[in-house]
PDB file of all heavy atoms in Angstrom:
ATOM      1  N   PHE A   1     -92.466  19.026 -45.461  1.00  0.00           N
ATOM      2  CA  PHE A   1     -93.426  19.833 -46.405  1.00  0.00           C
ATOM      3  C   PHE A   1     -92.599  20.251 -47.727  1.00  0.00           C
ATOM      4  O   PHE A   1     -93.151  20.293 -48.835  1.00  0.00           O
ATOM      5  CB  PHE A   1     -94.095  21.001 -45.697  1.00  0.00           C
ATOM      6  CG  PHE A   1     -95.133  20.716 -44.705  1.00  0.00           C
ATOM      7  CD1 PHE A   1     -95.501  21.719 -43.943  1.00  0.00           C
ATOM      8  CD2 PHE A   1     -95.735  19.453 -44.715  1.00  0.00           C
ATOM      9  CE1 PHE A   1     -96.590  21.457 -42.966  1.00  0.00           C
ATOM     10  CE2 PHE A   1     -96.700  19.283 -43.689  1.00  0.00           C
ATOM     11  CZ  PHE A   1     -97.112  20.239 -43.002  1.00  0.00           C
ATOM     12  N   VAL A   2     -91.336  20.586 -47.459  1.00  0.00           N
ATOM     13  CA  VAL A   2     -90.523  21.094 -48.517  1.00  0.00           C
ATOM     14  C   VAL A   2     -90.350  19.744 -49.511  1.00  0.00           C
ATOM     15  O   VAL A   2     -90.353  19.813 -50.647  1.00  0.00           O
ATOM     16  CB  VAL A   2     -89.139  21.526 -48.145  1.00  0.00           C
ATOM     17  CG1 VAL A   2     -88.087  21.742 -49.385  1.00  0.00           C
ATOM     18  CG2 VAL A   2     -89.429  22.796 -47.423  1.00  0.00           C
ATOM     19  N   GLN A   3     -89.999  18.638 -48.832  1.00  0.00           N
ATOM     20  CA  GLN A   3     -89.712  17.497 -49.644  1.00  0.00           C
ATOM     21  C   GLN A   3     -91.035  16.900 -50.415  1.00  0.00           C
ATOM     22  O   GLN A   3     -90.921  16.451 -51.607  1.00  0.00           O
ATOM     23  CB  GLN A   3     -89.165  16.259 -48.665  1.00  0.00           C
ATOM     24  CG  GLN A   3     -87.875  16.587 -48.123  1.00  0.00           C
ATOM     25  CD  GLN A   3     -87.285  15.670 -47.100  1.00  0.00           C
ATOM     26  OE1 GLN A   3     -88.077  14.799 -46.625  1.00  0.00           O
ATOM     27  NE2 GLN A   3     -86.005  15.617 -46.973  1.00  0.00           N
ATOM     28  N   LEU A   4     -92.180  17.181 -49.806  1.00  0.00           N
ATOM     29  CA  LEU A   4     -93.434  16.868 -50.494  1.00  0.00           C
ATOM     30  C   LEU A   4     -93.518  17.658 -51.827  1.00  0.00           C
ATOM     31  O   LEU A   4     -94.161  17.131 -52.720  1.00  0.00           O
ATOM     32  CB  LEU A   4     -94.726  17.122 -49.651  1.00  0.00           C
ATOM     33  CG  LEU A   4     -95.016  16.092 -48.618  1.00  0.00           C
ATOM     34  CD1 LEU A   4     -96.154  16.680 -47.797  1.00  0.00           C
ATOM     35  CD2 LEU A   4     -95.535  14.931 -49.309  1.00  0.00           C
ATOM     36  N   HIS A   5     -92.966  18.813 -51.923  1.00  0.00           N
ATOM     37  CA  HIS A   5     -92.938  19.598 -53.075  1.00  0.00           C
ATOM     38  C   HIS A   5     -91.845  19.229 -54.131  1.00  0.00           C
ATOM     39  O   HIS A   5     -91.709  19.774 -55.137  1.00  0.00           O
ATOM     40  CB  HIS A   5     -92.699  21.063 -52.699  1.00  0.00           C
ATOM     41  CG  HIS A   5     -93.965  21.860 -52.291  1.00  0.00           C
ATOM     42  ND1 HIS A   5     -94.386  21.763 -50.921  1.00  0.00           N
ATOM     43  CD2 HIS A   5     -94.973  22.491 -52.942  1.00  0.00           C
ATOM     44  CE1 HIS A   5     -95.437  22.351 -50.757  1.00  0.00           C
ATOM     45  NE2 HIS A   5     -95.869  22.859 -51.889  1.00  0.00           N
ATOM     46  N   GLY A   6     -91.101  18.205 -53.622  1.00  0.00           N
ATOM     47  CA  GLY A   6     -89.919  17.759 -54.528  1.00  0.00           C
ATOM     48  C   GLY A   6     -88.711  18.739 -54.283  1.00  0.00           C
ATOM     49  O   GLY A   6     -87.818  18.785 -55.250  1.00  0.00           O
ATOM     50  N   GLY A   7     -88.700  19.429 -53.228  1.00  0.00           N
ATOM     51  CA  GLY A   7     -87.597  20.444 -52.966  1.00  0.00           C
ATOM     52  C   GLY A   7     -86.681  20.038 -51.976  1.00  0.00           C
ATOM     53  O   GLY A   7     -86.720  18.867 -51.341  1.00  0.00           O
ATOM     54  N   THR A   8     -85.703  20.916 -51.546  1.00  0.00           N
ATOM     55  CA  THR A   8     -84.705  20.631 -50.496  1.00  0.00           C
ATOM     56  C   THR A   8     -84.716  21.772 -49.519  1.00  0.00           C
ATOM     57  O   THR A   8     -85.064  22.898 -49.908  1.00  0.00           O
ATOM     58  CB  THR A   8     -83.352  20.395 -51.110  1.00  0.00           C
ATOM     59  OG1 THR A   8     -82.949  21.530 -51.746  1.00  0.00           O
ATOM     60  CG2 THR A   8     -83.336  19.251 -52.113  1.00  0.00           C
ATOM     61  N   LEU A   9     -84.310  21.522 -48.229  1.00  0.00           N
ATOM     62  CA  LEU A   9     -84.205  22.451 -47.275  1.00  0.00           C
ATOM     63  C   LEU A   9     -82.906  22.272 -46.542  1.00  0.00           C
ATOM     64  O   LEU A   9     -82.510  21.079 -46.215  1.00  0.00           O
ATOM     65  CB  LEU A   9     -85.342  22.300 -46.169  1.00  0.00           C
ATOM     66  CG  LEU A   9     -85.126  23.253 -45.048  1.00  0.00           C
ATOM     67  CD1 LEU A   9     -85.237  24.708 -45.397  1.00  0.00           C
ATOM     68  CD2 LEU A   9     -86.298  22.988 -43.919  1.00  0.00           C
ATOM     69  N   SER A  10     -81.975  23.329 -46.545  1.00  0.00           N
ATOM     70  CA  SER A  10     -80.731  23.299 -45.873  1.00  0.00           C
ATOM     71  C   SER A  10     -80.476  24.531 -45.105  1.00  0.00           C
ATOM     72  O   SER A  10     -81.169  25.453 -45.004  1.00  0.00           O
ATOM     73  CB  SER A  10     -79.589  23.102 -46.960  1.00  0.00           C
ATOM     74  OG  SER A  10     -79.586  24.379 -47.856  1.00  0.00           O
ATOM     75  N   VAL A  11     -79.356  24.399 -44.297  1.00  0.00           N
ATOM     76  CA  VAL A  11     -79.105  25.577 -43.386  1.00  0.00           C
ATOM     77  C   VAL A  11     -77.594  25.891 -43.322  1.00  0.00           C
ATOM     78  O   VAL A  11     -76.747  24.852 -43.436  1.00  0.00           O
ATOM     79  CB  VAL A  11     -79.550  25.346 -41.889  1.00  0.00           C
ATOM     80  CG1 VAL A  11     -78.842  24.051 -41.235  1.00  0.00           C
ATOM     81  CG2 VAL A  11     -79.295  26.510 -41.034  1.00  0.00           C
ATOM     82  N   GLN A  12     -77.218  27.090 -43.294  1.00  0.00           N
ATOM     83  CA  GLN A  12     -75.748  27.515 -43.045  1.00  0.00           C
ATOM     84  C   GLN A  12     -75.865  28.473 -41.937  1.00  0.00           C
ATOM     85  O   GLN A  12     -76.612  29.368 -41.892  1.00  0.00           O
ATOM     86  CB  GLN A  12     -75.190  28.235 -44.234  1.00  0.00           C
ATOM     87  CG  GLN A  12     -74.915  27.232 -45.456  1.00  0.00           C
ATOM     88  CD  GLN A  12     -74.263  28.111 -46.642  1.00  0.00           C
ATOM     89  OE1 GLN A  12     -74.623  29.238 -46.845  1.00  0.00           O
ATOM     90  NE2 GLN A  12     -73.460  27.465 -47.338  1.00  0.00           N
ATOM     91  N   SER A  13     -74.984  28.162 -40.968  1.00  0.00           N
ATOM     92  CA  SER A  13     -75.031  28.996 -39.745  1.00  0.00           C
ATOM     93  C   SER A  13     -73.671  29.125 -39.026  1.00  0.00           C
ATOM     94  O   SER A  13     -72.907  28.290 -39.172  1.00  0.00           O
ATOM     95  CB  SER A  13     -76.065  28.390 -38.804  1.00  0.00           C
ATOM     96  OG  SER A  13     -76.187  29.169 -37.575  1.00  0.00           O
ATOM     97  N   THR A  14     -73.546  30.296 -38.315  1.00  0.00           N
ATOM     98  CA  THR A  14     -72.352  30.537 -37.567  1.00  0.00           C
ATOM     99  C   THR A  14     -72.814  31.044 -36.154  1.00  0.00           C
ATOM    100  O   THR A  14     -73.646  31.910 -36.073  1.00  0.00           O
ATOM    101  CB  THR A  14     -71.395  31.660 -38.182  1.00  0.00           C
ATOM    102  OG1 THR A  14     -70.987  31.125 -39.468  1.00  0.00           O
ATOM    103  CG2 THR A  14     -70.145  31.785 -37.393  1.00  0.00           C
ATOM    104  N   VAL A  15     -72.331  30.527 -35.127  1.00  0.00           N
ATOM    105  CA  VAL A  15     -72.637  30.812 -33.735  1.00  0.00           C
ATOM    106  C   VAL A  15     -72.435  32.279 -33.656  1.00  0.00           C
ATOM    107  O   VAL A  15     -71.436  32.817 -33.824  1.00  0.00           O
ATOM    108  CB  VAL A  15     -72.014  30.027 -32.668  1.00  0.00           C
ATOM    109  CG1 VAL A  15     -72.342  30.415 -31.319  1.00  0.00           C
ATOM    110  CG2 VAL A  15     -72.409  28.543 -32.895  1.00  0.00           C
ATOM    111  N   ASN A  16     -73.484  32.863 -32.925  1.00  0.00           N
ATOM    112  CA  ASN A  16     -73.356  34.329 -32.593  1.00  0.00           C
ATOM    113  C   ASN A  16     -73.375  35.335 -33.877  1.00  0.00           C
ATOM    114  O   ASN A  16     -73.285  36.512 -33.650  1.00  0.00           O
ATOM    115  CB  ASN A  16     -72.200  34.755 -31.752  1.00  0.00           C
ATOM    116  CG  ASN A  16     -72.402  34.018 -30.454  1.00  0.00           C
ATOM    117  OD1 ASN A  16     -73.474  33.863 -29.869  1.00  0.00           O
ATOM    118  ND2 ASN A  16     -71.343  33.602 -29.890  1.00  0.00           N
ATOM    119  N   GLU A  17     -73.547  34.731 -35.109  1.00  0.00           N
ATOM    120  CA  GLU A  17     -73.604  35.634 -36.187  1.00  0.00           C
ATOM    121  C   GLU A  17     -74.930  35.551 -37.010  1.00  0.00           C
ATOM    122  O   GLU A  17     -75.321  36.445 -37.643  1.00  0.00           O
ATOM    123  CB  GLU A  17     -72.361  35.246 -37.166  1.00  0.00           C
ATOM    124  CG  GLU A  17     -71.120  35.688 -36.577  1.00  0.00           C
ATOM    125  CD  GLU A  17     -70.002  35.438 -37.596  1.00  0.00           C
ATOM    126  OE1 GLU A  17     -70.233  35.233 -38.845  1.00  0.00           O
ATOM    127  OE2 GLU A  17     -68.793  35.521 -37.102  1.00  0.00           O
ATOM    128  N   GLY A  18     -75.601  34.292 -36.990  1.00  0.00           N
ATOM    129  CA  GLY A  18     -76.894  34.235 -37.578  1.00  0.00           C
ATOM    130  C   GLY A  18     -76.960  32.841 -38.517  1.00  0.00           C
ATOM    131  O   GLY A  18     -75.957  32.075 -38.514  1.00  0.00           O
ATOM    132  N   SER A  19     -78.061  32.705 -39.052  1.00  0.00           N
ATOM    133  CA  SER A  19     -78.422  31.517 -39.820  1.00  0.00           C
ATOM    134  C   SER A  19     -79.141  31.891 -41.107  1.00  0.00           C
ATOM    135  O   SER A  19     -79.836  32.810 -41.225  1.00  0.00           O
ATOM    136  CB  SER A  19     -79.306  30.524 -38.999  1.00  0.00           C
ATOM    137  OG  SER A  19     -78.772  30.247 -37.802  1.00  0.00           O
ATOM    138  N   THR A  20     -78.837  31.147 -42.185  1.00  0.00           N
ATOM    139  CA  THR A  20     -79.492  31.280 -43.403  1.00  0.00           C
ATOM    140  C   THR A  20     -80.214  29.840 -43.784  1.00  0.00           C
ATOM    141  O   THR A  20     -79.444  28.941 -43.949  1.00  0.00           O
ATOM    142  CB  THR A  20     -78.656  31.686 -44.419  1.00  0.00           C
ATOM    143  OG1 THR A  20     -78.114  32.997 -44.185  1.00  0.00           O
ATOM    144  CG2 THR A  20     -79.425  31.844 -45.694  1.00  0.00           C
ATOM    145  N   PHE A  21     -81.503  29.721 -43.830  1.00  0.00           N
ATOM    146  CA  PHE A  21     -82.169  28.627 -44.233  1.00  0.00           C
ATOM    147  C   PHE A  21     -82.550  28.779 -45.749  1.00  0.00           C
ATOM    148  O   PHE A  21     -83.108  29.701 -46.153  1.00  0.00           O
ATOM    149  CB  PHE A  21     -83.495  28.368 -43.493  1.00  0.00           C
ATOM    150  CG  PHE A  21     -83.146  27.773 -42.034  1.00  0.00           C
ATOM    151  CD1 PHE A  21     -82.765  28.771 -41.147  1.00  0.00           C
ATOM    152  CD2 PHE A  21     -83.278  26.454 -41.829  1.00  0.00           C
ATOM    153  CE1 PHE A  21     -82.622  28.304 -39.719  1.00  0.00           C
ATOM    154  CE2 PHE A  21     -82.999  26.030 -40.494  1.00  0.00           C
ATOM    155  CZ  PHE A  21     -82.738  26.925 -39.322  1.00  0.00           C
ATOM    156  N   THR A  22     -82.187  27.732 -46.580  1.00  0.00           N
ATOM    157  CA  THR A  22     -82.360  27.826 -48.000  1.00  0.00           C
ATOM    158  C   THR A  22     -83.325  26.753 -48.474  1.00  0.00           C
ATOM    159  O   THR A  22     -83.028  25.609 -48.329  1.00  0.00           O
ATOM    160  CB  THR A  22     -81.052  27.626 -48.805  1.00  0.00           C
ATOM    161  OG1 THR A  22     -80.217  28.662 -48.336  1.00  0.00           O
ATOM    162  CG2 THR A  22     -81.230  27.763 -50.261  1.00  0.00           C
ATOM    163  N   ILE A  23     -84.361  27.110 -49.194  1.00  0.00           N
ATOM    164  CA  ILE A  23     -85.330  26.214 -49.733  1.00  0.00           C
ATOM    165  C   ILE A  23     -85.294  26.379 -51.262  1.00  0.00           C
ATOM    166  O   ILE A  23     -85.138  27.354 -51.824  1.00  0.00           O
ATOM    167  CB  ILE A  23     -86.795  26.707 -49.413  1.00  0.00           C
ATOM    168  CG1 ILE A  23     -87.045  26.763 -47.909  1.00  0.00           C
ATOM    169  CG2 ILE A  23     -87.831  25.717 -49.972  1.00  0.00           C
ATOM    170  CD1 ILE A  23     -88.260  27.620 -47.495  1.00  0.00           C
ATOM    171  N   ARG A  24     -85.061  25.159 -51.941  1.00  0.00           N
ATOM    172  CA  ARG A  24     -85.164  24.955 -53.375  1.00  0.00           C
ATOM    173  C   ARG A  24     -86.307  24.265 -53.840  1.00  0.00           C
ATOM    174  O   ARG A  24     -86.546  23.117 -53.431  1.00  0.00           O
ATOM    175  CB  ARG A  24     -83.894  24.362 -53.895  1.00  0.00           C
ATOM    176  CG  ARG A  24     -82.554  25.134 -53.557  1.00  0.00           C
ATOM    177  CD  ARG A  24     -81.332  24.450 -54.104  1.00  0.00           C
ATOM    178  NE  ARG A  24     -81.263  24.619 -55.643  1.00  0.00           N
ATOM    179  CZ  ARG A  24     -81.228  23.670 -56.480  1.00  0.00           C
ATOM    180  NH1 ARG A  24     -81.497  22.491 -56.066  1.00  0.00           N
ATOM    181  NH2 ARG A  24     -81.133  23.859 -57.791  1.00  0.00           N
ATOM    182  N   LEU A  25     -87.165  25.023 -54.639  1.00  0.00           N
ATOM    183  CA  LEU A  25     -88.439  24.389 -55.004  1.00  0.00           C
ATOM    184  C   LEU A  25     -88.436  24.229 -56.667  1.00  0.00           C
ATOM    185  O   LEU A  25     -88.078  25.238 -57.231  1.00  0.00           O
ATOM    186  CB  LEU A  25     -89.588  25.127 -54.661  1.00  0.00           C
ATOM    187  CG  LEU A  25     -89.896  25.186 -53.138  1.00  0.00           C
ATOM    188  CD1 LEU A  25     -91.051  26.143 -52.902  1.00  0.00           C
ATOM    189  CD2 LEU A  25     -90.056  24.065 -52.483  1.00  0.00           C
ATOM    190  N   PRO A  26     -88.926  23.168 -57.138  1.00  0.00           N
ATOM    191  CA  PRO A  26     -88.957  23.031 -58.684  1.00  0.00           C
ATOM    192  C   PRO A  26     -90.091  24.028 -59.134  1.00  0.00           C
ATOM    193  O   PRO A  26     -91.241  24.083 -58.594  1.00  0.00           O
ATOM    194  CB  PRO A  26     -89.249  21.645 -58.846  1.00  0.00           C
ATOM    195  CG  PRO A  26     -89.868  21.204 -57.612  1.00  0.00           C
ATOM    196  CD  PRO A  26     -89.305  21.991 -56.446  1.00  0.00           C
ATOM    197  N   ILE A  27     -89.838  24.670 -60.298  1.00  0.00           N
ATOM    198  CA  ILE A  27     -90.753  25.500 -60.935  1.00  0.00           C
ATOM    199  C   ILE A  27     -91.673  24.734 -61.824  1.00  0.00           C
ATOM    200  O   ILE A  27     -91.064  24.186 -62.890  1.00  0.00           O
ATOM    201  CB  ILE A  27     -90.125  26.733 -61.740  1.00  0.00           C
ATOM    202  CG1 ILE A  27     -89.284  27.575 -60.631  1.00  0.00           C
ATOM    203  CG2 ILE A  27     -91.188  27.560 -62.362  1.00  0.00           C
ATOM    204  CD1 ILE A  27     -90.088  28.056 -59.513  1.00  0.00           C
ATOM    205  N   ARG A  28     -92.894  24.722 -61.567  1.00  0.00           N
ATOM    206  CA  ARG A  28     -93.739  23.747 -62.347  1.00  0.00           C
ATOM    207  C   ARG A  28     -94.652  24.687 -63.226  1.00  0.00           C
ATOM    208  O   ARG A  28     -95.774  24.878 -62.987  1.00  0.00           O
ATOM    209  CB  ARG A  28     -94.637  22.928 -61.617  1.00  0.00           C
ATOM    210  CG  ARG A  28     -93.697  21.788 -60.802  1.00  0.00           C
ATOM    211  CD  ARG A  28     -94.516  21.003 -59.842  1.00  0.00           C
ATOM    212  NE  ARG A  28     -93.555  20.041 -59.141  1.00  0.00           N
ATOM    213  CZ  ARG A  28     -93.926  19.388 -58.045  1.00  0.00           C
ATOM    214  NH1 ARG A  28     -95.118  19.442 -57.701  1.00  0.00           N
ATOM    215  NH2 ARG A  28     -93.016  18.540 -57.457  1.00  0.00           N
ATOM    216  N   THR A  29     -93.994  25.369 -64.264  1.00  0.00           N
ATOM    217  CA  THR A  29     -94.757  26.399 -65.053  1.00  0.00           C
ATOM    218  C   THR A  29     -93.993  26.569 -66.292  1.00  0.00           C
ATOM    219  O   THR A  29     -92.739  26.250 -66.402  1.00  0.00           O
ATOM    220  CB  THR A  29     -94.917  27.726 -64.282  1.00  0.00           C
ATOM    221  OG1 THR A  29     -95.687  28.700 -65.007  1.00  0.00           O
ATOM    222  CG2 THR A  29     -93.550  28.340 -63.961  1.00  0.00           C
TER     223      THR A  29
END
């Protein structure tokens, strides 16, 4: 779904500390 928008989805994570999912979407405005 993110790629359909022309964007990217990535993750940074450390075991037992947590995760951060990052979405980058192009602004069409």
